[in-house]
């Protein structure tokens, strides 16, 4: 089983034992943890120095299977945004989250997150397999 980890998980792994344990359980169950250029860019944006940026990028490119942002991912993200607009929720999900969701759908994997936006997206895009890394509201 392959899991695409959202930045909402990656940002909490080092500061929440519950999140770190949940990610470890995914691996222990035979899960393969994945990242994408969108994940790396979003995580890298939080860096405060060049050295910190290099460390973030290295950990997400060397420690994870890197999923390509193919043309199918791009088209899927546009389709997802269109579905949200058709439902009157066009701005409910940000661009990076659309890319993460589209990457998960295109590569047929589960997106693991700590972000309500993916629940909203899954309401309108049933092919999106998503799960909270830990129960909503259980960590900050």
Protein backbone atom coordinates (compact mmCIF):
# COMPACT_ATOMS: atom_id res chain seq x y z
CA UNK A 1 0.00 0.00 0.00
CA UNK A 2 1.25 3.48 -0.85
CA UNK A 3 0.48 6.66 1.08
CA UNK A 4 0.98 10.24 -0.02
CA UNK A 5 1.74 12.31 3.07
CA UNK A 6 0.40 15.84 3.07
CA UNK A 7 2.42 18.71 4.51
CA UNK A 8 -0.10 18.89 7.37
CA UNK A 9 1.32 15.53 8.51
CA UNK A 10 4.96 16.29 7.71
CA UNK A 11 4.86 19.48 9.80
CA UNK A 12 3.50 17.60 12.83
CA UNK A 13 5.69 14.47 12.79
CA UNK A 14 8.53 16.09 14.73
CA UNK A 15 6.32 17.79 17.32
CA UNK A 16 3.60 15.18 17.95
CA UNK A 17 4.28 11.70 19.25
CA UNK A 18 0.78 10.64 18.17
CA UNK A 19 1.42 11.70 14.56
CA UNK A 20 4.90 10.14 14.50
CA UNK A 21 3.46 6.88 15.88
CA UNK A 22 0.65 6.90 13.30
CA UNK A 23 3.13 7.37 10.44
CA UNK A 24 5.32 4.61 11.86
CA UNK A 25 2.27 2.30 11.94
CA UNK A 26 1.70 2.93 8.23
CA UNK A 27 5.25 1.79 7.52
CA UNK A 28 4.99 -1.16 9.92
CA UNK A 29 1.89 -2.33 8.02
CA UNK A 30 3.96 -2.44 4.85
CA UNK A 31 3.07 1.02 3.62
CA UNK A 32 5.31 2.92 1.26
CA UNK A 33 5.47 6.65 2.08
CA UNK A 34 5.39 8.98 -0.89
CA UNK A 35 6.02 12.63 -1.62
CA UNK A 36 5.69 14.86 -4.66
CA UNK A 37 7.31 18.05 -5.91
CA UNK A 38 4.23 19.90 -4.59
CA UNK A 39 4.84 18.42 -1.13
CA UNK A 40 8.50 19.39 -1.21
CA UNK A 41 7.74 22.93 -2.38
CA UNK A 42 5.06 23.45 0.25
CA UNK A 43 7.28 22.11 3.04
CA UNK A 44 10.30 24.03 1.74
CA UNK A 45 8.36 27.29 1.82
CA UNK A 46 8.38 27.13 5.62
CA UNK A 47 12.19 27.08 5.80
CA UNK A 48 13.86 30.08 7.40
CA UNK A 49 17.37 29.53 6.05
CA UNK A 50 19.07 27.96 3.08
CA UNK A 51 20.44 25.18 5.28
CA UNK A 52 17.00 24.42 6.71
CA UNK A 53 15.55 24.39 3.19
CA UNK A 54 18.22 21.94 2.04
CA UNK A 55 17.47 19.66 5.01
CA UNK A 56 13.71 19.71 4.36
CA UNK A 57 14.14 19.01 0.66
CA UNK A 58 16.64 16.22 1.25
CA UNK A 59 14.41 14.48 3.80
CA UNK A 60 11.42 14.55 1.44
CA UNK A 61 13.27 13.50 -1.68
CA UNK A 62 15.61 10.90 -0.20
CA UNK A 63 13.34 9.33 2.40
CA UNK A 64 10.21 8.97 0.28
CA UNK A 65 9.16 7.61 -3.07
CA UNK A 66 8.90 10.72 -5.25
CA UNK A 67 5.72 10.81 -7.35
CA UNK A 68 5.88 12.78 -10.59
CA UNK A 69 3.49 15.62 -11.34
CA UNK A 70 2.40 14.20 -14.67
CA UNK A 71 0.01 15.83 -17.14
CA UNK A 72 -2.67 13.51 -15.69
CA UNK A 73 -2.10 15.05 -12.26
CA UNK A 74 -2.48 18.52 -13.73
CA UNK A 75 -5.70 17.63 -15.54
CA UNK A 76 -7.06 15.89 -12.44
CA UNK A 77 -6.39 18.96 -10.28
CA UNK A 78 -8.32 21.12 -12.77
CA UNK A 79 -11.19 18.61 -12.77
CA UNK A 80 -11.24 18.68 -8.96
CA UNK A 81 -11.34 22.46 -8.87
CA UNK A 82 -14.15 22.43 -11.42
CA UNK A 83 -16.13 20.02 -9.23
CA UNK A 84 -15.68 22.31 -6.25
CA UNK A 85 -16.85 25.35 -8.21
CA UNK A 86 -19.87 23.40 -9.50
CA UNK A 87 -20.76 22.68 -5.86
CA UNK A 88 -20.38 26.34 -4.85
CA UNK A 89 -17.13 25.65 -2.95
CA UNK A 90 -14.58 26.77 -5.51
CA UNK A 91 -12.26 28.41 -3.00
CA UNK A 92 -12.67 25.85 -0.21
CA UNK A 93 -9.49 23.97 -1.14
CA UNK A 94 -6.15 25.62 -1.90
CA UNK A 95 -4.00 24.97 -4.94
CA UNK A 96 -1.39 22.84 -3.15
CA UNK A 97 -4.13 20.68 -1.64
CA UNK A 98 -5.70 20.26 -5.08
CA UNK A 99 -2.33 19.12 -6.43
CA UNK A 100 -1.87 16.69 -3.52
CA UNK A 101 -5.36 15.28 -4.02
CA UNK A 102 -4.88 14.97 -7.77
CA UNK A 103 -1.52 13.26 -7.26
CA UNK A 104 -3.14 10.73 -4.92
CA UNK A 105 -5.96 10.01 -7.39
CA UNK A 106 -3.69 9.80 -10.44
CA UNK A 107 -1.27 7.45 -8.67
CA UNK A 108 -4.11 5.46 -7.03
CA UNK A 109 -3.06 5.89 -3.42
CA UNK A 110 -4.38 7.14 -0.12
CA UNK A 111 -3.64 10.71 0.91
CA UNK A 112 -2.85 10.93 4.62
CA UNK A 113 -3.47 14.35 6.16
CA UNK A 114 -4.44 16.48 9.12
CA UNK A 115 -6.44 19.01 7.11
CA UNK A 116 -10.23 19.37 6.77
CA UNK A 117 -9.80 20.58 3.16
CA UNK A 118 -9.34 16.98 2.03
CA UNK A 119 -12.67 15.94 3.52
CA UNK A 120 -14.33 18.75 1.58
CA UNK A 121 -12.53 17.67 -1.59
CA UNK A 122 -13.49 14.02 -1.11
CA UNK A 123 -17.17 15.02 -0.82
CA UNK A 124 -17.00 16.22 -4.43
CA UNK A 125 -14.34 13.86 -5.78
CA UNK A 126 -15.30 10.37 -4.61
CA UNK A 127 -12.22 8.74 -6.15
CA UNK A 128 -10.03 10.58 -3.64
CA UNK A 129 -9.01 8.13 -0.93
CA UNK A 130 -8.09 10.18 2.09
CA UNK A 131 -7.62 9.57 5.80
CA UNK A 132 -6.73 11.61 8.85
CA UNK A 133 -3.33 10.66 10.23
CA UNK A 134 -4.84 10.91 13.73
CA UNK A 135 -8.41 11.89 14.63
CA UNK A 136 -9.37 15.45 13.76
CA UNK A 137 -8.85 17.80 16.70
CA UNK A 138 -6.60 15.38 18.61
CA UNK A 139 -3.38 17.36 18.00
CA UNK A 140 -2.75 20.98 17.12
